[in-house]
Structure formats: structure tokens, C-alpha cells
Amino acid sequence: MTDARRFILSPLVCRRSRLAGERPRRAFTMIELLIVVSIIGILASIAIPNFLQAQTRAKVARAKTEMAMLELAWNSIIWTRRPTRRISGRATAWIPTCTG
């Protein structure tokens, strides 16, 4: 066994393995697992609110775009269907345009 492996494996694991005649098993310790889980939790607590804010901003931007499109369509209807010629005096004729 190399010096690096002796340093990594705890003496208790090595002693039990030698007594049982088994080869020592390598595994993560509980502390290592707790540290990894806590790091993942911290990253998730940072990422999830940012993701939700990005979703909200995207919905607002989509609503603004749709409102601008509706305004453009409304103005298009208003400007293409307005009275175009006078009949007599102050009265105007409403000449509908055929759009199809």
C-alpha cells in the first residue's frame, strides 16, 4: 500500500479489514457527503430565486411586446378605415376598404 493510500484510509477501516481478511474498501465519509450536500444546497438557494426572477422578467417583456403588437394592429385598422372624402359641407363619407 502506498503512503498516499495509508493517509487516505482511516486506521479503523484498515484494522477491521485486516482482521476480517478483506481488502480495505474506499468510500466517502459522512463529513464529505454533508459538505457536498450543503454546497449543493447553497448553490440551489442562489440559483432558484435568480431563475424565478428571470422567468418573471421574460413574462413582462412578452406582455409588453404583445401590447405593442396590439397597438400597432389597432393603429393599422384606424388609419386604413378612416373616412377619406367629403360628401358635402361637414359630413364625410365612410368608405370601407375591402381587406379580403
PDB file of N, CA and C in Angstrom:
ATOM      1  N   MET A   1       0.854  -1.168   0.000  1.00  0.00           N
ATOM      2  CA  MET A   1       0.000   0.000   0.000  1.00  0.00           C
ATOM      3  C   MET A   1       0.903   1.235   0.000  1.00  0.00           C
ATOM      4  N   THR A   2       0.585   2.180  -0.846  1.00  0.00           N
ATOM      5  CA  THR A   2       1.416   3.379  -0.940  1.00  0.00           C
ATOM      6  C   THR A   2       1.147   4.302   0.237  1.00  0.00           C
ATOM      7  N   ASP A   3       2.024   5.274   0.402  1.00  0.00           N
ATOM      8  CA  ASP A   3       1.874   6.230   1.504  1.00  0.00           C
ATOM      9  C   ASP A   3       0.611   7.060   1.357  1.00  0.00           C
ATOM     10  N   ALA A   4       0.236   7.391   0.109  1.00  0.00           N
ATOM     11  CA  ALA A   4      -0.969   8.195  -0.115  1.00  0.00           C
ATOM     12  C   ALA A   4      -2.208   7.433   0.318  1.00  0.00           C
ATOM     13  N   ARG A   5      -2.258   6.143   0.027  1.00  0.00           N
ATOM     14  CA  ARG A   5      -3.428   5.348   0.429  1.00  0.00           C
ATOM     15  C   ARG A   5      -3.493   5.190   1.945  1.00  0.00           C
ATOM     16  N   ARG A   6      -2.369   5.034   2.589  1.00  0.00           N
ATOM     17  CA  ARG A   6      -2.374   4.917   4.045  1.00  0.00           C
ATOM     18  C   ARG A   6      -2.899   6.202   4.676  1.00  0.00           C
ATOM     19  N   PHE A   7      -2.579   7.319   4.065  1.00  0.00           N
ATOM     20  CA  PHE A   7      -3.025   8.602   4.600  1.00  0.00           C
ATOM     21  C   PHE A   7      -4.530   8.780   4.400  1.00  0.00           C
ATOM     22  N   ILE A   8      -5.064   8.304   3.277  1.00  0.00           N
ATOM     23  CA  ILE A   8      -6.483   8.482   2.972  1.00  0.00           C
ATOM     24  C   ILE A   8      -7.351   7.565   3.825  1.00  0.00           C
ATOM     25  N   LEU A   9      -6.978   6.301   3.962  1.00  0.00           N
ATOM     26  CA  LEU A   9      -7.798   5.348   4.707  1.00  0.00           C
ATOM     27  C   LEU A   9      -7.603   5.542   6.209  1.00  0.00           C
ATOM     28  N   SER A  10      -8.692   5.486   6.918  1.00  0.00           N
ATOM     29  CA  SER A  10      -8.599   5.658   8.367  1.00  0.00           C
ATOM     30  C   SER A  10      -8.038   4.387   9.004  1.00  0.00           C
ATOM     31  N   PRO A  11      -7.402   4.507  10.143  1.00  0.00           N
ATOM     32  CA  PRO A  11      -6.828   3.325  10.801  1.00  0.00           C
ATOM     33  C   PRO A  11      -7.889   2.305  11.196  1.00  0.00           C
ATOM     34  N   LEU A  12      -9.081   2.767  11.569  1.00  0.00           N
ATOM     35  CA  LEU A  12     -10.137   1.851  11.977  1.00  0.00           C
ATOM     36  C   LEU A  12     -10.566   0.965  10.812  1.00  0.00           C
ATOM     37  N   VAL A  13     -10.718   1.542   9.632  1.00  0.00           N
ATOM     38  CA  VAL A  13     -11.112   0.765   8.458  1.00  0.00           C
ATOM     39  C   VAL A  13     -10.031  -0.239   8.110  1.00  0.00           C
ATOM     40  N   CYS A  14      -8.784   0.185   8.159  1.00  0.00           N
ATOM     41  CA  CYS A  14      -7.686  -0.722   7.829  1.00  0.00           C
ATOM     42  C   CYS A  14      -7.604  -1.871   8.828  1.00  0.00           C
ATOM     43  N   ARG A  15      -7.776  -1.584  10.119  1.00  0.00           N
ATOM     44  CA  ARG A  15      -7.693  -2.618  11.140  1.00  0.00           C
ATOM     45  C   ARG A  15      -8.823  -3.627  10.975  1.00  0.00           C
ATOM     46  N   ARG A  16     -10.053  -3.156  10.747  1.00  0.00           N
ATOM     47  CA  ARG A  16     -11.181  -4.066  10.568  1.00  0.00           C
ATOM     48  C   ARG A  16     -10.987  -4.935   9.332  1.00  0.00           C
ATOM     49  N   SER A  17     -10.483  -4.341   8.283  1.00  0.00           N
ATOM     50  CA  SER A  17     -10.286  -5.091   7.048  1.00  0.00           C
ATOM     51  C   SER A  17      -9.226  -6.160   7.231  1.00  0.00           C
ATOM     52  N   ARG A  18      -8.160  -5.836   7.954  1.00  0.00           N
ATOM     53  CA  ARG A  18      -7.107  -6.835   8.169  1.00  0.00           C
ATOM     54  C   ARG A  18      -7.605  -7.966   9.051  1.00  0.00           C
ATOM     55  N   LEU A  19      -8.422  -7.636  10.042  1.00  0.00           N
ATOM     56  CA  LEU A  19      -8.936  -8.677  10.922  1.00  0.00           C
ATOM     57  C   LEU A  19      -9.879  -9.607  10.175  1.00  0.00           C
ATOM     58  N   ALA A  20     -10.674  -9.068   9.279  1.00  0.00           N
ATOM     59  CA  ALA A  20     -11.629  -9.881   8.542  1.00  0.00           C
ATOM     60  C   ALA A  20     -10.986 -10.549   7.331  1.00  0.00           C
ATOM     61  N   GLY A  21      -9.766 -10.189   7.020  1.00  0.00           N
ATOM     62  CA  GLY A  21      -9.091 -10.770   5.874  1.00  0.00           C
ATOM     63  C   GLY A  21      -9.561 -10.177   4.550  1.00  0.00           C
ATOM     64  N   GLU A  22     -10.188  -9.021   4.599  1.00  0.00           N
ATOM     65  CA  GLU A  22     -10.683  -8.377   3.384  1.00  0.00           C
ATOM     66  C   GLU A  22      -9.734  -7.278   2.945  1.00  0.00           C
ATOM     67  N   ARG A  23      -9.914  -6.911   1.718  1.00  0.00           N
ATOM     68  CA  ARG A  23      -9.198  -5.752   1.197  1.00  0.00           C
ATOM     69  C   ARG A  23      -9.940  -4.493   1.655  1.00  0.00           C
ATOM     70  N   PRO A  24      -9.255  -3.452   2.078  1.00  0.00           N
ATOM     71  CA  PRO A  24      -9.955  -2.260   2.566  1.00  0.00           C
ATOM     72  C   PRO A  24     -10.798  -1.614   1.463  1.00  0.00           C
ATOM     73  N   ARG A  25     -12.021  -1.210   1.828  1.00  0.00           N
ATOM     74  CA  ARG A  25     -12.924  -0.547   0.880  1.00  0.00           C
ATOM     75  C   ARG A  25     -12.725   0.951   0.973  1.00  0.00           C
ATOM     76  N   ARG A  26     -12.794   1.593  -0.187  1.00  0.00           N
ATOM     77  CA  ARG A  26     -12.674   3.045  -0.217  1.00  0.00           C
ATOM     78  C   ARG A  26     -14.066   3.620  -0.419  1.00  0.00           C
ATOM     79  N   ALA A  27     -14.414   4.603   0.390  1.00  0.00           N
ATOM     80  CA  ALA A  27     -15.737   5.223   0.297  1.00  0.00           C
ATOM     81  C   ALA A  27     -15.638   6.655   0.812  1.00  0.00           C
ATOM     82  N   PHE A  28     -16.697   7.397   0.556  1.00  0.00           N
ATOM     83  CA  PHE A  28     -16.761   8.762   1.063  1.00  0.00           C
ATOM     84  C   PHE A  28     -17.188   8.732   2.523  1.00  0.00           C
ATOM     85  N   THR A  29     -16.638   9.633   3.301  1.00  0.00           N
ATOM     86  CA  THR A  29     -17.038   9.719   4.700  1.00  0.00           C
ATOM     87  C   THR A  29     -18.315  10.544   4.809  1.00  0.00           C
ATOM     88  N   MET A  30     -18.948  10.459   5.941  1.00  0.00           N
ATOM     89  CA  MET A  30     -20.191  11.190   6.169  1.00  0.00           C
ATOM     90  C   MET A  30     -19.945  12.701   6.105  1.00  0.00           C
ATOM     91  N   ILE A  31     -18.824  13.148   6.616  1.00  0.00           N
ATOM     92  CA  ILE A  31     -18.497  14.578   6.582  1.00  0.00           C
ATOM     93  C   ILE A  31     -18.364  15.057   5.142  1.00  0.00           C
ATOM     94  N   GLU A  32     -17.697  14.290   4.304  1.00  0.00           N
ATOM     95  CA  GLU A  32     -17.553  14.671   2.896  1.00  0.00           C
ATOM     96  C   GLU A  32     -18.912  14.775   2.219  1.00  0.00           C
ATOM     97  N   LEU A  33     -19.778  13.815   2.481  1.00  0.00           N
ATOM     98  CA  LEU A  33     -21.114  13.845   1.892  1.00  0.00           C
ATOM     99  C   LEU A  33     -21.914  15.045   2.390  1.00  0.00           C
ATOM    100  N   LEU A  34     -21.821  15.345   3.688  1.00  0.00           N
ATOM    101  CA  LEU A  34     -22.533  16.503   4.231  1.00  0.00           C
ATOM    102  C   LEU A  34     -22.030  17.811   3.628  1.00  0.00           C
ATOM    103  N   ILE A  35     -20.732  17.903   3.422  1.00  0.00           N
ATOM    104  CA  ILE A  35     -20.175  19.120   2.821  1.00  0.00           C
ATOM    105  C   ILE A  35     -20.673  19.281   1.392  1.00  0.00           C
ATOM    106  N   VAL A  36     -20.665  18.199   0.622  1.00  0.00           N
ATOM    107  CA  VAL A  36     -21.130  18.265  -0.770  1.00  0.00           C
ATOM    108  C   VAL A  36     -22.608  18.633  -0.825  1.00  0.00           C
ATOM    109  N   VAL A  37     -23.421  18.023   0.027  1.00  0.00           N
ATOM    110  CA  VAL A  37     -24.856  18.324   0.038  1.00  0.00           C
ATOM    111  C   VAL A  37     -25.097  19.775   0.450  1.00  0.00           C
ATOM    112  N   SER A  38     -24.337  20.268   1.421  1.00  0.00           N
ATOM    113  CA  SER A  38     -24.524  21.666   1.840  1.00  0.00           C
ATOM    114  C   SER A  38     -24.095  22.636   0.739  1.00  0.00           C
ATOM    115  N   ILE A  39     -23.043  22.321  -0.001  1.00  0.00           N
ATOM    116  CA  ILE A  39     -22.624  23.178  -1.117  1.00  0.00           C
ATOM    117  C   ILE A  39     -23.693  23.192  -2.194  1.00  0.00           C
ATOM    118  N   ILE A  40     -24.252  22.038  -2.501  1.00  0.00           N
ATOM    119  CA  ILE A  40     -25.329  21.973  -3.497  1.00  0.00           C
ATOM    120  C   ILE A  40     -26.532  22.782  -3.020  1.00  0.00           C
ATOM    121  N   GLY A  41     -26.851  22.699  -1.740  1.00  0.00           N
ATOM    122  CA  GLY A  41     -27.962  23.479  -1.187  1.00  0.00           C
ATOM    123  C   GLY A  41     -27.727  24.975  -1.283  1.00  0.00           C
ATOM    124  N   ILE A  42     -26.508  25.405  -1.003  1.00  0.00           N
ATOM    125  CA  ILE A  42     -26.182  26.835  -1.099  1.00  0.00           C
ATOM    126  C   ILE A  42     -26.300  27.306  -2.540  1.00  0.00           C
ATOM    127  N   LEU A  43     -25.765  26.535  -3.475  1.00  0.00           N
ATOM    128  CA  LEU A  43     -25.863  26.908  -4.889  1.00  0.00           C
ATOM    129  C   LEU A  43     -27.316  26.948  -5.354  1.00  0.00           C
ATOM    130  N   ALA A  44     -28.118  25.996  -4.891  1.00  0.00           N
ATOM    131  CA  ALA A  44     -29.535  25.989  -5.271  1.00  0.00           C
ATOM    132  C   ALA A  44     -30.263  27.195  -4.680  1.00  0.00           C
ATOM    133  N   SER A  45     -29.919  27.564  -3.453  1.00  0.00           N
ATOM    134  CA  SER A  45     -30.586  28.723  -2.840  1.00  0.00           C
ATOM    135  C   SER A  45     -30.226  30.024  -3.553  1.00  0.00           C
ATOM    136  N   ILE A  46     -29.101  30.056  -4.228  1.00  0.00           N
ATOM    137  CA  ILE A  46     -28.733  31.237  -5.015  1.00  0.00           C
ATOM    138  C   ILE A  46     -29.374  31.177  -6.393  1.00  0.00           C
ATOM    139  N   ALA A  47     -29.374  30.011  -7.008  1.00  0.00           N
ATOM    140  CA  ALA A  47     -29.810  29.882  -8.408  1.00  0.00           C
ATOM    141  C   ALA A  47     -31.325  29.936  -8.576  1.00  0.00           C
ATOM    142  N   ILE A  48     -32.078  29.345  -7.673  1.00  0.00           N
ATOM    143  CA  ILE A  48     -33.535  29.258  -7.853  1.00  0.00           C
ATOM    144  C   ILE A  48     -34.198  30.640  -7.854  1.00  0.00           C
ATOM    145  N   PRO A  49     -33.905  31.543  -6.907  1.00  0.00           N
ATOM    146  CA  PRO A  49     -34.525  32.876  -6.989  1.00  0.00           C
ATOM    147  C   PRO A  49     -34.140  33.636  -8.259  1.00  0.00           C
ATOM    148  N   ASN A  50     -32.886  33.497  -8.695  1.00  0.00           N
ATOM    149  CA  ASN A  50     -32.471  34.161  -9.932  1.00  0.00           C
ATOM    150  C   ASN A  50     -33.242  33.608 -11.121  1.00  0.00           C
ATOM    151  N   PHE A  51     -33.463  32.314 -11.138  1.00  0.00           N
ATOM    152  CA  PHE A  51     -34.225  31.699 -12.223  1.00  0.00           C
ATOM    153  C   PHE A  51     -35.670  32.197 -12.216  1.00  0.00           C
ATOM    154  N   LEU A  52     -36.271  32.290 -11.044  1.00  0.00           N
ATOM    155  CA  LEU A  52     -37.651  32.769 -10.959  1.00  0.00           C
ATOM    156  C   LEU A  52     -37.753  34.235 -11.381  1.00  0.00           C
ATOM    157  N   GLN A  53     -36.772  35.049 -11.009  1.00  0.00           N
ATOM    158  CA  GLN A  53     -36.769  36.450 -11.442  1.00  0.00           C
ATOM    159  C   GLN A  53     -36.614  36.553 -12.956  1.00  0.00           C
ATOM    160  N   ALA A  54     -35.785  35.701 -13.528  1.00  0.00           N
ATOM    161  CA  ALA A  54     -35.610  35.718 -14.987  1.00  0.00           C
ATOM    162  C   ALA A  54     -36.906  35.329 -15.682  1.00  0.00           C
ATOM    163  N   GLN A  55     -37.627  34.363 -15.115  1.00  0.00           N
ATOM    164  CA  GLN A  55     -38.922  33.983 -15.692  1.00  0.00           C
ATOM    165  C   GLN A  55     -39.904  35.147 -15.632  1.00  0.00           C
ATOM    166  N   THR A  56     -39.935  35.842 -14.510  1.00  0.00           N
ATOM    167  CA  THR A  56     -40.845  36.984 -14.365  1.00  0.00           C
ATOM    168  C   THR A  56     -40.494  38.084 -15.356  1.00  0.00           C
ATOM    169  N   ARG A  57     -39.201  38.386 -15.490  1.00  0.00           N
ATOM    170  CA  ARG A  57     -38.784  39.411 -16.455  1.00  0.00           C
ATOM    171  C   ARG A  57     -39.158  39.004 -17.876  1.00  0.00           C
ATOM    172  N   ALA A  58     -39.035  37.728 -18.204  1.00  0.00           N
ATOM    173  CA  ALA A  58     -39.397  37.261 -19.545  1.00  0.00           C
ATOM    174  C   ALA A  58     -40.894  37.409 -19.789  1.00  0.00           C
ATOM    175  N   LYS A  59     -41.700  37.109 -18.780  1.00  0.00           N
ATOM    176  CA  LYS A  59     -43.153  37.257 -18.935  1.00  0.00           C
ATOM    177  C   LYS A  59     -43.541  38.720 -19.119  1.00  0.00           C
ATOM    178  N   VAL A  60     -42.900  39.614 -18.372  1.00  0.00           N
ATOM    179  CA  VAL A  60     -43.187  41.046 -18.505  1.00  0.00           C
ATOM    180  C   VAL A  60     -42.785  41.532 -19.895  1.00  0.00           C
ATOM    181  N   ALA A  61     -41.622  41.110 -20.362  1.00  0.00           N
ATOM    182  CA  ALA A  61     -41.170  41.519 -21.698  1.00  0.00           C
ATOM    183  C   ALA A  61     -42.115  40.992 -22.774  1.00  0.00           C
ATOM    184  N   ARG A  62     -42.590  39.773 -22.610  1.00  0.00           N
ATOM    185  CA  ARG A  62     -43.535  39.212 -23.581  1.00  0.00           C
ATOM    186  C   ARG A  62     -44.848  39.994 -23.579  1.00  0.00           C
ATOM    187  N   ALA A  63     -45.332  40.352 -22.396  1.00  0.00           N
ATOM    188  CA  ALA A  63     -46.578  41.121 -22.310  1.00  0.00           C
ATOM    189  C   ALA A  63     -46.416  42.493 -22.962  1.00  0.00           C
ATOM    190  N   LYS A  64     -45.268  43.145 -22.729  1.00  0.00           N
ATOM    191  CA  LYS A  64     -45.025  44.450 -23.351  1.00  0.00           C
ATOM    192  C   LYS A  64     -44.988  44.325 -24.871  1.00  0.00           C
ATOM    193  N   THR A  65     -44.348  43.279 -25.365  1.00  0.00           N
ATOM    194  CA  THR A  65     -44.270  43.070 -26.810  1.00  0.00           C
ATOM    195  C   THR A  65     -45.649  42.828 -27.401  1.00  0.00           C
ATOM    196  N   GLU A  66     -46.451  42.019 -26.725  1.00  0.00           N
ATOM    197  CA  GLU A  66     -47.799  41.749 -27.225  1.00  0.00           C
ATOM    198  C   GLU A  66     -48.664  43.006 -27.201  1.00  0.00           C
ATOM    199  N   MET A  67     -48.505  43.834 -26.172  1.00  0.00           N
ATOM    200  CA  MET A  67     -49.257  45.091 -26.127  1.00  0.00           C
ATOM    201  C   MET A  67     -48.835  46.020 -27.266  1.00  0.00           C
ATOM    202  N   ALA A  68     -47.543  46.063 -27.557  1.00  0.00           N
ATOM    203  CA  ALA A  68     -47.069  46.893 -28.674  1.00  0.00           C
ATOM    204  C   ALA A  68     -47.622  46.372 -29.998  1.00  0.00           C
ATOM    205  N   MET A  69     -47.696  45.056 -30.149  1.00  0.00           N
ATOM    206  CA  MET A  69     -48.258  44.481 -31.373  1.00  0.00           C
ATOM    207  C   MET A  69     -49.747  44.797 -31.494  1.00  0.00           C
ATOM    208  N   LEU A  70     -50.472  44.734 -30.384  1.00  0.00           N
ATOM    209  CA  LEU A  70     -51.893  45.088 -30.403  1.00  0.00           C
ATOM    210  C   LEU A  70     -52.085  46.562 -30.747  1.00  0.00           C
ATOM    211  N   GLU A  71     -51.232  47.422 -30.198  1.00  0.00           N
ATOM    212  CA  GLU A  71     -51.323  48.844 -30.515  1.00  0.00           C
ATOM    213  C   GLU A  71     -51.054  49.082 -32.000  1.00  0.00           C
ATOM    214  N   LEU A  72     -50.071  48.401 -32.543  1.00  0.00           N
ATOM    215  CA  LEU A  72     -49.759  48.538 -33.962  1.00  0.00           C
ATOM    216  C   LEU A  72     -50.923  48.060 -34.822  1.00  0.00           C
ATOM    217  N   ALA A  73     -51.522  46.933 -34.455  1.00  0.00           N
ATOM    218  CA  ALA A  73     -52.671  46.421 -35.209  1.00  0.00           C
ATOM    219  C   ALA A  73     -53.845  47.389 -35.116  1.00  0.00           C
ATOM    220  N   TRP A  74     -54.094  47.930 -33.928  1.00  0.00           N
ATOM    221  CA  TRP A  74     -55.201  48.877 -33.751  1.00  0.00           C
ATOM    222  C   TRP A  74     -54.981  50.128 -34.593  1.00  0.00           C
ATOM    223  N   ASN A  75     -53.780  50.671 -34.552  1.00  0.00           N
ATOM    224  CA  ASN A  75     -53.480  51.857 -35.355  1.00  0.00           C
ATOM    225  C   ASN A  75     -53.595  51.559 -36.845  1.00  0.00           C
ATOM    226  N   SER A  76     -53.210  50.377 -37.239  1.00  0.00           N
ATOM    227  CA  SER A  76     -53.336  49.993 -38.645  1.00  0.00           C
ATOM    228  C   SER A  76     -54.799  49.964 -39.060  1.00  0.00           C
ATOM    229  N   ILE A  77     -55.655  49.433 -38.204  1.00  0.00           N
ATOM    230  CA  ILE A  77     -57.089  49.395 -38.506  1.00  0.00           C
ATOM    231  C   ILE A  77     -57.649  50.814 -38.561  1.00  0.00           C
ATOM    232  N   ILE A  78     -57.289  51.629 -37.597  1.00  0.00           N
ATOM    233  CA  ILE A  78     -57.804  53.001 -37.549  1.00  0.00           C
ATOM    234  C   ILE A  78     -57.392  53.776 -38.797  1.00  0.00           C
ATOM    235  N   TRP A  79     -56.145  53.703 -39.198  1.00  0.00           N
ATOM    236  CA  TRP A  79     -55.661  54.510 -40.319  1.00  0.00           C
ATOM    237  C   TRP A  79     -56.117  53.983 -41.671  1.00  0.00           C
ATOM    238  N   THR A  80     -56.428  52.701 -41.786  1.00  0.00           N
ATOM    239  CA  THR A  80     -56.880  52.185 -43.086  1.00  0.00           C
ATOM    240  C   THR A  80     -58.384  52.278 -43.251  1.00  0.00           C
ATOM    241  N   ARG A  81     -59.136  52.508 -42.203  1.00  0.00           N
ATOM    242  CA  ARG A  81     -60.594  52.535 -42.297  1.00  0.00           C
ATOM    243  C   ARG A  81     -61.174  53.890 -41.909  1.00  0.00           C
ATOM    244  N   ARG A  82     -60.465  54.946 -42.054  1.00  0.00           N
ATOM    245  CA  ARG A  82     -60.998  56.254 -41.698  1.00  0.00           C
ATOM    246  C   ARG A  82     -61.682  56.904 -42.912  1.00  0.00           C
ATOM    247  N   PRO A  83     -62.581  57.810 -42.677  1.00  0.00           N
ATOM    248  CA  PRO A  83     -63.251  58.496 -43.795  1.00  0.00           C
ATOM    249  C   PRO A  83     -62.229  59.216 -44.674  1.00  0.00           C
ATOM    250  N   THR A  84     -62.404  59.083 -45.978  1.00  0.00           N
ATOM    251  CA  THR A  84     -61.387  59.620 -46.874  1.00  0.00           C
ATOM    252  C   THR A  84     -61.862  60.774 -47.744  1.00  0.00           C
ATOM    253  N   ARG A  85     -63.177  60.956 -47.988  1.00  0.00           N
ATOM    254  CA  ARG A  85     -63.610  62.061 -48.854  1.00  0.00           C
ATOM    255  C   ARG A  85     -64.826  62.747 -48.250  1.00  0.00           C
ATOM    256  N   ARG A  86     -64.968  63.973 -48.585  1.00  0.00           N
ATOM    257  CA  ARG A  86     -66.101  64.758 -48.103  1.00  0.00           C
ATOM    258  C   ARG A  86     -67.275  64.578 -49.051  1.00  0.00           C
ATOM    259  N   ILE A  87     -68.471  64.533 -48.466  1.00  0.00           N
ATOM    260  CA  ILE A  87     -69.677  64.464 -49.294  1.00  0.00           C
ATOM    261  C   ILE A  87     -70.180  65.874 -49.549  1.00  0.00           C
ATOM    262  N   SER A  88     -70.544  66.553 -48.502  1.00  0.00           N
ATOM    263  CA  SER A  88     -70.972  67.943 -48.643  1.00  0.00           C
ATOM    264  C   SER A  88     -70.878  68.592 -47.279  1.00  0.00           C
ATOM    265  N   GLY A  89     -70.399  69.762 -47.256  1.00  0.00           N
ATOM    266  CA  GLY A  89     -70.312  70.504 -46.005  1.00  0.00           C
ATOM    267  C   GLY A  89     -69.390  69.829 -45.007  1.00  0.00           C
ATOM    268  N   ARG A  90     -69.948  69.579 -43.822  1.00  0.00           N
ATOM    269  CA  ARG A  90     -69.136  68.981 -42.757  1.00  0.00           C
ATOM    270  C   ARG A  90     -69.295  67.466 -42.682  1.00  0.00           C
ATOM    271  N   ALA A  91     -70.179  66.895 -43.442  1.00  0.00           N
ATOM    272  CA  ALA A  91     -70.376  65.445 -43.415  1.00  0.00           C
ATOM    273  C   ALA A  91     -69.280  64.760 -44.233  1.00  0.00           C
ATOM    274  N   THR A  92     -68.883  63.618 -43.777  1.00  0.00           N
ATOM    275  CA  THR A  92     -67.884  62.844 -44.521  1.00  0.00           C
ATOM    276  C   THR A  92     -68.446  61.466 -44.799  1.00  0.00           C
ATOM    277  N   ALA A  93     -67.992  60.866 -45.874  1.00  0.00           N
ATOM    278  CA  ALA A  93     -68.449  59.522 -46.234  1.00  0.00           C
ATOM    279  C   ALA A  93     -67.519  58.493 -45.607  1.00  0.00           C
ATOM    280  N   TRP A  94     -68.097  57.451 -45.195  1.00  0.00           N
ATOM    281  CA  TRP A  94     -67.311  56.355 -44.650  1.00  0.00           C
ATOM    282  C   TRP A  94     -67.181  55.323 -45.752  1.00  0.00           C
ATOM    283  N   ILE A  95     -65.994  55.194 -46.299  1.00  0.00           N
ATOM    284  CA  ILE A  95     -65.771  54.258 -47.395  1.00  0.00           C
ATOM    285  C   ILE A  95     -64.979  53.084 -46.835  1.00  0.00           C
ATOM    286  N   PRO A  96     -65.664  51.986 -46.607  1.00  0.00           N
ATOM    287  CA  PRO A  96     -64.938  50.842 -46.054  1.00  0.00           C
ATOM    288  C   PRO A  96     -63.993  50.259 -47.096  1.00  0.00           C
ATOM    289  N   THR A  97     -62.869  49.809 -46.643  1.00  0.00           N
ATOM    290  CA  THR A  97     -61.922  49.166 -47.550  1.00  0.00           C
ATOM    291  C   THR A  97     -62.112  47.668 -47.471  1.00  0.00           C
ATOM    292  N   CYS A  98     -61.978  47.022 -48.581  1.00  0.00           N
ATOM    293  CA  CYS A  98     -62.131  45.574 -48.638  1.00  0.00           C
ATOM    294  C   CYS A  98     -60.764  44.945 -48.390  1.00  0.00           C
ATOM    295  N   THR A  99     -60.669  44.205 -47.318  1.00  0.00           N
ATOM    296  CA  THR A  99     -59.375  43.597 -46.987  1.00  0.00           C
ATOM    297  C   THR A  99     -59.325  42.129 -47.364  1.00  0.00           C
ATOM    298  N   GLY A 100     -60.370  41.615 -47.877  1.00  0.00           N
ATOM    299  CA  GLY A 100     -60.272  40.234 -48.327  1.00  0.00           C
ATOM    300  C   GLY A 100     -61.396  39.473 -47.906  1.00  0.00           C
TER     301      GLY A 100
END
